[in-house]
Amino acid sequence: MFLCSKNINPKTTIGVQRISLMSCLVTILSYIISFEIFTSIFGNVFTDNHFIFFVIALIFIYPLHKALHVLPYLHKSKSFIVQQTNKNKWLPIFNIRLNHPVKKHTFILSLLLPFMIISVITISCAILLPSYAHYFLFIFSVNLGISLIDFIYLNYVYKAPKDCFVEERKHGFEVLIKA
């Protein structure tokens, strides 16, 4: 049995518009900063060849990000709840969550995994293929912008008690303490 310690919904406390604006600003600023750092180290010999692959990668960054959130829970695949959160048929946004509480450290791993994996891959590719670095750095920046809500969640979860559990709800999550 669990007792609810705290109910957290950053989308209502911070606001969806504010989170979206902050996400866009993080994306733009991280691209400018990473691009400037990269060009000061490696120079600026860029090519626009294979632009279609960049567009395809950009389209699939969000589904990949969502799939990597699920990775720590694959052994519990029968416990997933998948819901479409918008009514747009062309650009659906899904909420994927478990229907039972998980340990705090597993939830933290789930929040950090997409940012860590995609960042390592895109920055490594930018270093290995410097003529396409502007593409990889932009994908890195978009992923960082998408990860902003994960970092906001991480801030709340990190402050929660050490041995707590976290249960995702349709809107936000609950910090639970075992009774």
N, C-alpha and C. Protein backbone atom coordinates (compact mmCIF):
# COMPACT_ATOMS: atom_id res chain seq x y z
N MET A 1 0.84 -1.17 0.00
CA MET A 1 0.00 0.00 0.00
C MET A 1 0.89 1.24 0.00
N PHE A 2 0.46 2.25 -0.74
CA PHE A 2 1.23 3.48 -0.87
C PHE A 2 0.41 4.67 -0.37
N LEU A 3 1.11 5.64 0.20
CA LEU A 3 0.50 6.90 0.59
C LEU A 3 1.01 7.99 -0.34
N CYS A 4 0.11 8.82 -0.83
CA CYS A 4 0.50 9.89 -1.74
C CYS A 4 1.17 11.01 -0.95
N SER A 5 2.43 11.25 -1.25
CA SER A 5 3.19 12.30 -0.58
C SER A 5 2.99 13.64 -1.27
N LYS A 6 2.97 13.60 -2.60
CA LYS A 6 2.85 14.85 -3.35
C LYS A 6 2.30 14.55 -4.74
N ASN A 7 1.40 15.40 -5.20
CA ASN A 7 0.85 15.31 -6.55
C ASN A 7 1.43 16.47 -7.34
N ILE A 8 2.12 16.18 -8.45
CA ILE A 8 2.85 17.21 -9.19
C ILE A 8 2.39 17.23 -10.64
N ASN A 9 2.04 18.41 -11.10
CA ASN A 9 1.67 18.61 -12.50
C ASN A 9 2.31 19.91 -12.98
N PRO A 10 3.54 19.83 -13.52
CA PRO A 10 4.23 21.05 -13.97
C PRO A 10 3.49 21.80 -15.07
N LYS A 11 2.67 21.09 -15.84
CA LYS A 11 1.96 21.76 -16.93
C LYS A 11 0.91 22.74 -16.42
N THR A 12 0.40 22.51 -15.21
CA THR A 12 -0.54 23.49 -14.65
C THR A 12 0.18 24.50 -13.77
N THR A 13 1.22 24.08 -13.05
CA THR A 13 1.93 25.03 -12.18
C THR A 13 2.78 26.00 -12.99
N ILE A 14 3.45 25.52 -14.02
CA ILE A 14 4.29 26.38 -14.86
C ILE A 14 3.49 26.90 -16.05
N GLY A 15 2.69 26.03 -16.66
CA GLY A 15 1.89 26.40 -17.82
C GLY A 15 2.45 25.81 -19.10
N VAL A 16 1.57 25.30 -19.94
CA VAL A 16 1.99 24.67 -21.19
C VAL A 16 2.66 25.69 -22.11
N GLN A 17 2.10 26.90 -22.20
CA GLN A 17 2.67 27.92 -23.08
C GLN A 17 4.07 28.32 -22.61
N ARG A 18 4.25 28.47 -21.31
CA ARG A 18 5.56 28.85 -20.78
C ARG A 18 6.58 27.73 -21.00
N ILE A 19 6.17 26.49 -20.80
CA ILE A 19 7.07 25.36 -21.04
C ILE A 19 7.44 25.30 -22.52
N SER A 20 6.48 25.50 -23.41
CA SER A 20 6.75 25.49 -24.85
C SER A 20 7.70 26.61 -25.24
N LEU A 21 7.49 27.80 -24.70
CA LEU A 21 8.38 28.92 -24.98
C LEU A 21 9.78 28.66 -24.47
N MET A 22 9.88 28.16 -23.24
CA MET A 22 11.20 27.85 -22.68
C MET A 22 11.89 26.76 -23.50
N SER A 23 11.13 25.78 -23.96
CA SER A 23 11.69 24.71 -24.78
C SER A 23 12.25 25.26 -26.09
N CYS A 24 11.50 26.15 -26.74
CA CYS A 24 11.98 26.77 -27.98
C CYS A 24 13.23 27.61 -27.73
N LEU A 25 13.24 28.36 -26.65
CA LEU A 25 14.41 29.17 -26.32
C LEU A 25 15.63 28.31 -26.02
N VAL A 26 15.44 27.22 -25.30
CA VAL A 26 16.54 26.29 -25.02
C VAL A 26 17.07 25.71 -26.31
N THR A 27 16.18 25.34 -27.23
CA THR A 27 16.60 24.79 -28.52
C THR A 27 17.43 25.80 -29.29
N ILE A 28 16.95 27.02 -29.40
CA ILE A 28 17.66 28.05 -30.17
C ILE A 28 19.00 28.38 -29.53
N LEU A 29 19.00 28.62 -28.23
CA LEU A 29 20.24 28.98 -27.55
C LEU A 29 21.26 27.85 -27.57
N SER A 30 20.81 26.63 -27.37
CA SER A 30 21.76 25.51 -27.39
C SER A 30 22.34 25.31 -28.79
N TYR A 31 21.54 25.55 -29.83
CA TYR A 31 22.09 25.44 -31.18
C TYR A 31 23.12 26.53 -31.44
N ILE A 32 22.82 27.74 -31.07
CA ILE A 32 23.76 28.85 -31.29
C ILE A 32 25.07 28.58 -30.54
N ILE A 33 24.96 28.20 -29.27
CA ILE A 33 26.16 27.98 -28.46
C ILE A 33 26.95 26.78 -28.96
N SER A 34 26.28 25.65 -29.21
CA SER A 34 27.00 24.46 -29.67
C SER A 34 27.61 24.67 -31.05
N PHE A 35 26.91 25.38 -31.92
CA PHE A 35 27.44 25.65 -33.26
C PHE A 35 28.68 26.55 -33.17
N GLU A 36 28.62 27.57 -32.33
CA GLU A 36 29.78 28.47 -32.19
C GLU A 36 30.97 27.74 -31.58
N ILE A 37 30.73 26.93 -30.58
CA ILE A 37 31.83 26.16 -29.98
C ILE A 37 32.42 25.20 -31.01
N PHE A 38 31.55 24.52 -31.74
CA PHE A 38 32.02 23.56 -32.73
C PHE A 38 32.83 24.24 -33.83
N THR A 39 32.34 25.35 -34.36
CA THR A 39 33.07 26.02 -35.45
C THR A 39 34.38 26.62 -34.96
N SER A 40 34.46 27.02 -33.70
CA SER A 40 35.73 27.55 -33.20
C SER A 40 36.76 26.44 -33.02
N ILE A 41 36.32 25.22 -32.81
CA ILE A 41 37.25 24.10 -32.64
C ILE A 41 37.57 23.43 -33.97
N PHE A 42 36.55 23.13 -34.77
CA PHE A 42 36.73 22.33 -35.98
C PHE A 42 36.70 23.14 -37.28
N GLY A 43 36.39 24.40 -37.22
CA GLY A 43 36.27 25.18 -38.45
C GLY A 43 34.86 25.08 -39.00
N ASN A 44 34.64 25.73 -40.15
CA ASN A 44 33.29 25.73 -40.71
C ASN A 44 33.28 25.31 -42.17
N VAL A 45 33.51 24.03 -42.37
CA VAL A 45 33.44 23.45 -43.71
C VAL A 45 32.19 22.58 -43.75
N PHE A 46 31.06 23.20 -44.07
CA PHE A 46 29.78 22.49 -44.02
C PHE A 46 29.25 22.26 -45.43
N THR A 47 28.46 21.21 -45.55
CA THR A 47 27.82 20.89 -46.82
C THR A 47 26.33 20.67 -46.58
N ASP A 48 25.54 20.97 -47.59
CA ASP A 48 24.09 20.77 -47.50
C ASP A 48 23.63 19.52 -48.23
N ASN A 49 24.56 18.65 -48.57
CA ASN A 49 24.20 17.38 -49.20
C ASN A 49 23.40 16.54 -48.21
N HIS A 50 22.58 15.67 -48.72
CA HIS A 50 21.79 14.73 -47.91
C HIS A 50 20.84 15.45 -46.95
N PHE A 51 20.28 16.55 -47.39
CA PHE A 51 19.35 17.31 -46.56
C PHE A 51 18.12 16.48 -46.21
N ILE A 52 17.70 15.61 -47.10
CA ILE A 52 16.50 14.80 -46.86
C ILE A 52 16.69 13.89 -45.65
N PHE A 53 17.93 13.39 -45.44
CA PHE A 53 18.19 12.55 -44.26
C PHE A 53 18.07 13.36 -42.97
N PHE A 54 18.47 14.62 -43.05
CA PHE A 54 18.33 15.51 -41.90
C PHE A 54 16.85 15.72 -41.57
N VAL A 55 16.04 15.95 -42.58
CA VAL A 55 14.60 16.16 -42.37
C VAL A 55 13.96 14.89 -41.79
N ILE A 56 14.34 13.74 -42.31
CA ILE A 56 13.80 12.47 -41.80
C ILE A 56 14.21 12.27 -40.34
N ALA A 57 15.48 12.54 -40.03
CA ALA A 57 15.95 12.42 -38.64
C ALA A 57 15.21 13.38 -37.72
N LEU A 58 14.94 14.57 -38.21
CA LEU A 58 14.22 15.56 -37.42
C LEU A 58 12.78 15.12 -37.15
N ILE A 59 12.16 14.48 -38.14
CA ILE A 59 10.80 13.97 -37.97
C ILE A 59 10.76 12.85 -36.93
N PHE A 60 11.79 12.01 -36.92
CA PHE A 60 11.80 10.85 -36.03
C PHE A 60 12.44 11.10 -34.67
N ILE A 61 12.89 12.32 -34.40
CA ILE A 61 13.53 12.58 -33.12
C ILE A 61 12.53 12.47 -31.96
N TYR A 62 11.33 12.96 -32.14
CA TYR A 62 10.33 12.88 -31.06
C TYR A 62 9.90 11.44 -30.78
N PRO A 63 9.55 10.64 -31.80
CA PRO A 63 9.21 9.23 -31.50
C PRO A 63 10.38 8.46 -30.88
N LEU A 64 11.61 8.74 -31.33
CA LEU A 64 12.77 8.09 -30.74
C LEU A 64 12.93 8.50 -29.28
N HIS A 65 12.73 9.78 -29.00
CA HIS A 65 12.81 10.28 -27.64
C HIS A 65 11.79 9.56 -26.74
N LYS A 66 10.56 9.44 -27.23
CA LYS A 66 9.52 8.74 -26.47
C LYS A 66 9.87 7.26 -26.27
N ALA A 67 10.39 6.62 -27.31
CA ALA A 67 10.74 5.20 -27.21
C ALA A 67 11.86 4.97 -26.19
N LEU A 68 12.81 5.89 -26.12
CA LEU A 68 13.90 5.74 -25.16
C LEU A 68 13.43 5.94 -23.72
N HIS A 69 12.36 6.69 -23.52
CA HIS A 69 11.79 6.80 -22.17
C HIS A 69 11.28 5.44 -21.69
N VAL A 70 10.81 4.63 -22.60
CA VAL A 70 10.20 3.34 -22.27
C VAL A 70 11.26 2.26 -22.03
N LEU A 71 12.46 2.47 -22.50
CA LEU A 71 13.52 1.45 -22.45
C LEU A 71 13.72 0.82 -21.06
N PRO A 72 13.78 1.58 -19.97
CA PRO A 72 13.97 0.92 -18.66
C PRO A 72 12.80 0.05 -18.22
N TYR A 73 11.67 0.17 -18.88
CA TYR A 73 10.48 -0.57 -18.48
C TYR A 73 10.11 -1.69 -19.45
N LEU A 74 10.97 -2.04 -20.37
CA LEU A 74 10.61 -3.03 -21.38
C LEU A 74 10.24 -4.38 -20.78
N HIS A 75 10.83 -4.73 -19.66
CA HIS A 75 10.49 -6.01 -19.03
C HIS A 75 9.08 -6.00 -18.43
N LYS A 76 8.46 -4.82 -18.39
CA LYS A 76 7.08 -4.69 -17.88
C LYS A 76 6.15 -4.24 -19.01
N SER A 77 6.36 -4.75 -20.21
CA SER A 77 5.67 -4.23 -21.39
C SER A 77 4.15 -4.41 -21.35
N LYS A 78 3.64 -5.32 -20.54
CA LYS A 78 2.19 -5.50 -20.48
C LYS A 78 1.52 -4.46 -19.60
N SER A 79 2.33 -3.61 -18.95
CA SER A 79 1.78 -2.62 -18.03
C SER A 79 1.68 -1.23 -18.63
N PHE A 80 1.89 -1.09 -19.93
CA PHE A 80 1.90 0.24 -20.56
C PHE A 80 0.49 0.74 -20.84
N ILE A 81 0.33 2.04 -20.66
CA ILE A 81 -0.88 2.74 -21.08
C ILE A 81 -0.44 3.76 -22.13
N VAL A 82 -0.99 3.68 -23.33
CA VAL A 82 -0.65 4.60 -24.41
C VAL A 82 -1.90 5.41 -24.74
N GLN A 83 -1.76 6.75 -24.64
CA GLN A 83 -2.89 7.63 -24.94
C GLN A 83 -2.43 8.75 -25.86
N GLN A 84 -3.25 9.08 -26.84
CA GLN A 84 -2.97 10.24 -27.69
C GLN A 84 -3.48 11.48 -26.96
N THR A 85 -2.59 12.46 -26.77
CA THR A 85 -2.96 13.64 -25.97
C THR A 85 -3.48 14.80 -26.80
N ASN A 86 -3.40 14.69 -28.12
CA ASN A 86 -3.97 15.75 -28.96
C ASN A 86 -4.90 15.13 -29.99
N LYS A 87 -5.64 15.97 -30.70
CA LYS A 87 -6.60 15.48 -31.68
C LYS A 87 -6.08 15.56 -33.12
N ASN A 88 -4.83 15.96 -33.28
CA ASN A 88 -4.23 16.11 -34.60
C ASN A 88 -3.87 14.74 -35.17
N LYS A 89 -4.44 14.39 -36.32
CA LYS A 89 -4.16 13.09 -36.92
C LYS A 89 -2.81 13.07 -37.64
N TRP A 90 -2.35 14.23 -38.10
CA TRP A 90 -1.10 14.29 -38.86
C TRP A 90 0.13 14.33 -37.97
N LEU A 91 -0.01 14.89 -36.79
CA LEU A 91 1.11 14.99 -35.86
C LEU A 91 0.64 14.57 -34.46
N PRO A 92 0.43 13.27 -34.27
CA PRO A 92 -0.08 12.82 -32.97
C PRO A 92 0.99 12.91 -31.88
N ILE A 93 0.57 13.28 -30.69
CA ILE A 93 1.44 13.30 -29.53
C ILE A 93 0.89 12.29 -28.54
N PHE A 94 1.75 11.36 -28.13
CA PHE A 94 1.31 10.27 -27.28
C PHE A 94 1.87 10.42 -25.87
N ASN A 95 1.09 9.96 -24.91
CA ASN A 95 1.53 9.85 -23.53
C ASN A 95 1.65 8.36 -23.24
N ILE A 96 2.86 7.91 -22.95
CA ILE A 96 3.11 6.50 -22.64
C ILE A 96 3.51 6.43 -21.18
N ARG A 97 2.80 5.61 -20.42
CA ARG A 97 3.12 5.50 -18.99
C ARG A 97 2.79 4.10 -18.49
N LEU A 98 3.29 3.79 -17.32
CA LEU A 98 3.00 2.52 -16.68
C LEU A 98 1.77 2.68 -15.80
N ASN A 99 1.07 1.59 -15.57
CA ASN A 99 -0.13 1.68 -14.73
C ASN A 99 0.14 1.28 -13.28
N HIS A 100 1.41 1.34 -12.87
CA HIS A 100 1.75 1.05 -11.48
C HIS A 100 2.97 1.87 -11.08
N PRO A 101 3.19 2.05 -9.78
CA PRO A 101 4.32 2.87 -9.32
C PRO A 101 5.67 2.21 -9.62
N VAL A 102 6.69 3.06 -9.83
CA VAL A 102 8.06 2.58 -10.04
C VAL A 102 8.97 3.28 -9.03
N LYS A 103 10.12 2.67 -8.80
CA LYS A 103 11.07 3.26 -7.86
C LYS A 103 11.62 4.57 -8.41
N LYS A 104 12.01 5.42 -7.49
CA LYS A 104 12.49 6.76 -7.84
C LYS A 104 13.68 6.69 -8.80
N HIS A 105 14.66 5.84 -8.52
CA HIS A 105 15.86 5.78 -9.37
C HIS A 105 15.55 5.26 -10.77
N THR A 106 14.58 4.38 -10.90
CA THR A 106 14.18 3.90 -12.23
C THR A 106 13.49 5.01 -13.01
N PHE A 107 12.67 5.78 -12.33
CA PHE A 107 12.00 6.91 -12.98
C PHE A 107 13.02 7.96 -13.43
N ILE A 108 14.02 8.23 -12.59
CA ILE A 108 15.07 9.19 -12.95
C ILE A 108 15.83 8.69 -14.17
N LEU A 109 16.16 7.40 -14.20
CA LEU A 109 16.84 6.82 -15.37
C LEU A 109 15.99 6.98 -16.62
N SER A 110 14.70 6.73 -16.49
CA SER A 110 13.79 6.87 -17.62
C SER A 110 13.74 8.31 -18.13
N LEU A 111 13.81 9.28 -17.22
CA LEU A 111 13.80 10.69 -17.63
C LEU A 111 15.09 11.09 -18.34
N LEU A 112 16.23 10.58 -17.88
CA LEU A 112 17.52 11.00 -18.42
C LEU A 112 17.97 10.25 -19.67
N LEU A 113 17.48 9.03 -19.84
CA LEU A 113 17.96 8.18 -20.93
C LEU A 113 17.86 8.80 -22.32
N PRO A 114 16.73 9.37 -22.73
CA PRO A 114 16.67 9.94 -24.09
C PRO A 114 17.67 11.07 -24.30
N PHE A 115 17.80 11.94 -23.32
CA PHE A 115 18.76 13.05 -23.45
C PHE A 115 20.18 12.52 -23.57
N MET A 116 20.55 11.57 -22.71
CA MET A 116 21.93 11.07 -22.71
C MET A 116 22.26 10.33 -24.00
N ILE A 117 21.41 9.42 -24.42
CA ILE A 117 21.71 8.59 -25.59
C ILE A 117 21.73 9.43 -26.87
N ILE A 118 20.71 10.24 -27.08
CA ILE A 118 20.65 11.04 -28.31
C ILE A 118 21.75 12.08 -28.33
N SER A 119 22.08 12.66 -27.19
CA SER A 119 23.16 13.66 -27.13
C SER A 119 24.50 13.04 -27.47
N VAL A 120 24.80 11.89 -26.89
CA VAL A 120 26.07 11.23 -27.18
C VAL A 120 26.17 10.87 -28.66
N ILE A 121 25.09 10.35 -29.22
CA ILE A 121 25.11 9.96 -30.64
C ILE A 121 25.27 11.18 -31.54
N THR A 122 24.51 12.24 -31.31
CA THR A 122 24.57 13.40 -32.21
C THR A 122 25.89 14.15 -32.08
N ILE A 123 26.40 14.31 -30.88
CA ILE A 123 27.68 15.00 -30.72
C ILE A 123 28.82 14.16 -31.29
N SER A 124 28.77 12.85 -31.10
CA SER A 124 29.78 11.97 -31.69
C SER A 124 29.74 12.05 -33.21
N CYS A 125 28.56 12.03 -33.77
CA CYS A 125 28.43 12.13 -35.24
C CYS A 125 28.91 13.49 -35.74
N ALA A 126 28.66 14.54 -34.98
CA ALA A 126 29.14 15.87 -35.38
C ALA A 126 30.66 15.91 -35.40
N ILE A 127 31.29 15.24 -34.45
CA ILE A 127 32.76 15.20 -34.41
C ILE A 127 33.31 14.31 -35.52
N LEU A 128 32.67 13.17 -35.75
CA LEU A 128 33.15 12.23 -36.78
C LEU A 128 32.87 12.72 -38.19
N LEU A 129 31.78 13.44 -38.39
CA LEU A 129 31.40 13.95 -39.71
C LEU A 129 31.25 15.47 -39.64
N PRO A 130 32.35 16.21 -39.53
CA PRO A 130 32.26 17.65 -39.29
C PRO A 130 31.58 18.43 -40.41
N SER A 131 31.54 17.91 -41.62
CA SER A 131 30.87 18.65 -42.69
C SER A 131 29.34 18.62 -42.54
N TYR A 132 28.83 17.69 -41.73
CA TYR A 132 27.40 17.62 -41.44
C TYR A 132 27.09 18.00 -39.99
N ALA A 133 28.03 18.63 -39.33
CA ALA A 133 27.88 18.95 -37.91
C ALA A 133 26.69 19.86 -37.66
N HIS A 134 26.40 20.77 -38.58
CA HIS A 134 25.27 21.67 -38.36
C HIS A 134 23.96 20.90 -38.28
N TYR A 135 23.83 19.80 -39.03
CA TYR A 135 22.64 18.96 -38.93
C TYR A 135 22.58 18.27 -37.56
N PHE A 136 23.68 17.64 -37.19
CA PHE A 136 23.71 16.89 -35.93
C PHE A 136 23.53 17.80 -34.72
N LEU A 137 24.13 18.98 -34.77
CA LEU A 137 23.99 19.91 -33.65
C LEU A 137 22.56 20.44 -33.55
N PHE A 138 21.89 20.59 -34.68
CA PHE A 138 20.49 21.02 -34.62
C PHE A 138 19.61 19.92 -34.03
N ILE A 139 19.86 18.68 -34.42
CA ILE A 139 19.11 17.55 -33.85
C ILE A 139 19.38 17.45 -32.34
N PHE A 140 20.65 17.65 -31.95
CA PHE A 140 20.99 17.69 -30.52
C PHE A 140 20.20 18.77 -29.80
N SER A 141 20.11 19.95 -30.40
CA SER A 141 19.42 21.08 -29.78
C SER A 141 17.92 20.83 -29.68
N VAL A 142 17.33 20.25 -30.71
CA VAL A 142 15.90 19.93 -30.67
C VAL A 142 15.63 18.91 -29.56
N ASN A 143 16.50 17.91 -29.44
CA ASN A 143 16.34 16.92 -28.38
C ASN A 143 16.47 17.57 -27.00
N LEU A 144 17.38 18.52 -26.87
CA LEU A 144 17.53 19.23 -25.60
C LEU A 144 16.26 20.02 -25.28
N GLY A 145 15.68 20.65 -26.29
CA GLY A 145 14.42 21.36 -26.09
C GLY A 145 13.28 20.43 -25.69
N ILE A 146 13.22 19.26 -26.32
CA ILE A 146 12.21 18.26 -25.97
C ILE A 146 12.44 17.77 -24.54
N SER A 147 13.71 17.68 -24.14
CA SER A 147 14.06 17.16 -22.81
C SER A 147 13.81 18.14 -21.69
N LEU A 148 13.47 19.37 -22.00
CA LEU A 148 13.25 20.36 -20.94
C LEU A 148 12.19 19.91 -19.94
N ILE A 149 11.08 19.38 -20.41
CA ILE A 149 10.03 18.92 -19.50
C ILE A 149 10.54 17.76 -18.64
N ASP A 150 11.43 16.94 -19.20
CA ASP A 150 12.04 15.86 -18.42
C ASP A 150 12.89 16.42 -17.29
N PHE A 151 13.62 17.49 -17.57
CA PHE A 151 14.45 18.10 -16.53
C PHE A 151 13.60 18.78 -15.46
N ILE A 152 12.46 19.32 -15.86
CA ILE A 152 11.54 19.90 -14.87
C ILE A 152 11.00 18.79 -13.97
N TYR A 153 10.59 17.66 -14.56
CA TYR A 153 10.14 16.52 -13.77
C TYR A 153 11.26 16.02 -12.87
N LEU A 154 12.47 15.95 -13.42
CA LEU A 154 13.62 15.48 -12.66
C LEU A 154 13.87 16.34 -11.43
N ASN A 155 13.69 17.63 -11.56
CA ASN A 155 13.87 18.54 -10.43
C ASN A 155 12.90 18.19 -9.30
N TYR A 156 11.65 17.92 -9.64
CA TYR A 156 10.66 17.55 -8.62
C TYR A 156 10.98 16.19 -8.00
N VAL A 157 11.31 15.21 -8.83
CA VAL A 157 11.55 13.85 -8.35
C VAL A 157 12.82 13.79 -7.51
N TYR A 158 13.84 14.55 -7.89
CA TYR A 158 15.10 14.54 -7.16
C TYR A 158 14.90 15.03 -5.72
N LYS A 159 13.98 15.95 -5.52
CA LYS A 159 13.71 16.50 -4.18
C LYS A 159 12.82 15.58 -3.35
N ALA A 160 12.29 14.54 -3.94
CA ALA A 160 11.40 13.61 -3.24
C ALA A 160 12.22 12.73 -2.29
N PRO A 161 11.57 12.11 -1.30
CA PRO A 161 12.29 11.22 -0.37
C PRO A 161 13.02 10.10 -1.10
N LYS A 162 14.09 9.62 -0.47
CA LYS A 162 15.00 8.66 -1.11
C LYS A 162 14.33 7.36 -1.54
N ASP A 163 13.55 6.76 -0.69
CA ASP A 163 12.97 5.45 -0.98
C ASP A 163 11.53 5.52 -1.49
N CYS A 164 11.19 6.60 -2.15
CA CYS A 164 9.81 6.77 -2.61
C CYS A 164 9.58 6.06 -3.95
N PHE A 165 8.35 6.03 -4.35
CA PHE A 165 7.94 5.51 -5.64
C PHE A 165 7.27 6.65 -6.41
N VAL A 166 7.27 6.53 -7.72
CA VAL A 166 6.65 7.55 -8.57
C VAL A 166 5.62 6.85 -9.45
N GLU A 167 4.43 7.43 -9.52
CA GLU A 167 3.40 6.90 -10.40
C GLU A 167 2.95 8.00 -11.34
N GLU A 168 3.07 7.72 -12.63
CA GLU A 168 2.63 8.70 -13.63
C GLU A 168 1.12 8.65 -13.76
N ARG A 169 0.56 9.81 -13.91
CA ARG A 169 -0.87 9.95 -14.15
C ARG A 169 -1.05 10.61 -15.51
N LYS A 170 -2.30 10.76 -15.92
CA LYS A 170 -2.58 11.38 -17.22
C LYS A 170 -2.00 12.80 -17.27
N HIS A 171 -2.12 13.52 -16.18
CA HIS A 171 -1.59 14.88 -16.10
C HIS A 171 -0.64 14.95 -14.91
N GLY A 172 0.65 14.74 -15.15
CA GLY A 172 1.63 14.83 -14.09
C GLY A 172 1.94 13.49 -13.46
N PHE A 173 2.40 13.53 -12.21
CA PHE A 173 2.75 12.32 -11.50
C PHE A 173 2.58 12.51 -10.00
N GLU A 174 2.59 11.38 -9.29
CA GLU A 174 2.45 11.39 -7.85
C GLU A 174 3.68 10.76 -7.22
N VAL A 175 4.16 11.37 -6.14
CA VAL A 175 5.24 10.80 -5.35
C VAL A 175 4.58 10.00 -4.24
N LEU A 176 4.91 8.71 -4.16
CA LEU A 176 4.27 7.80 -3.21
C LEU A 176 5.28 7.27 -2.21
N ILE A 177 4.83 7.10 -0.98
CA ILE A 177 5.66 6.53 0.07
C ILE A 177 4.99 5.23 0.51
N LYS A 178 5.81 4.18 0.64
CA LYS A 178 5.27 2.88 1.03
C LYS A 178 4.83 2.93 2.49
N ALA A 179 3.60 2.47 2.73
CA ALA A 179 3.05 2.51 4.10
C ALA A 179 3.41 1.27 4.87
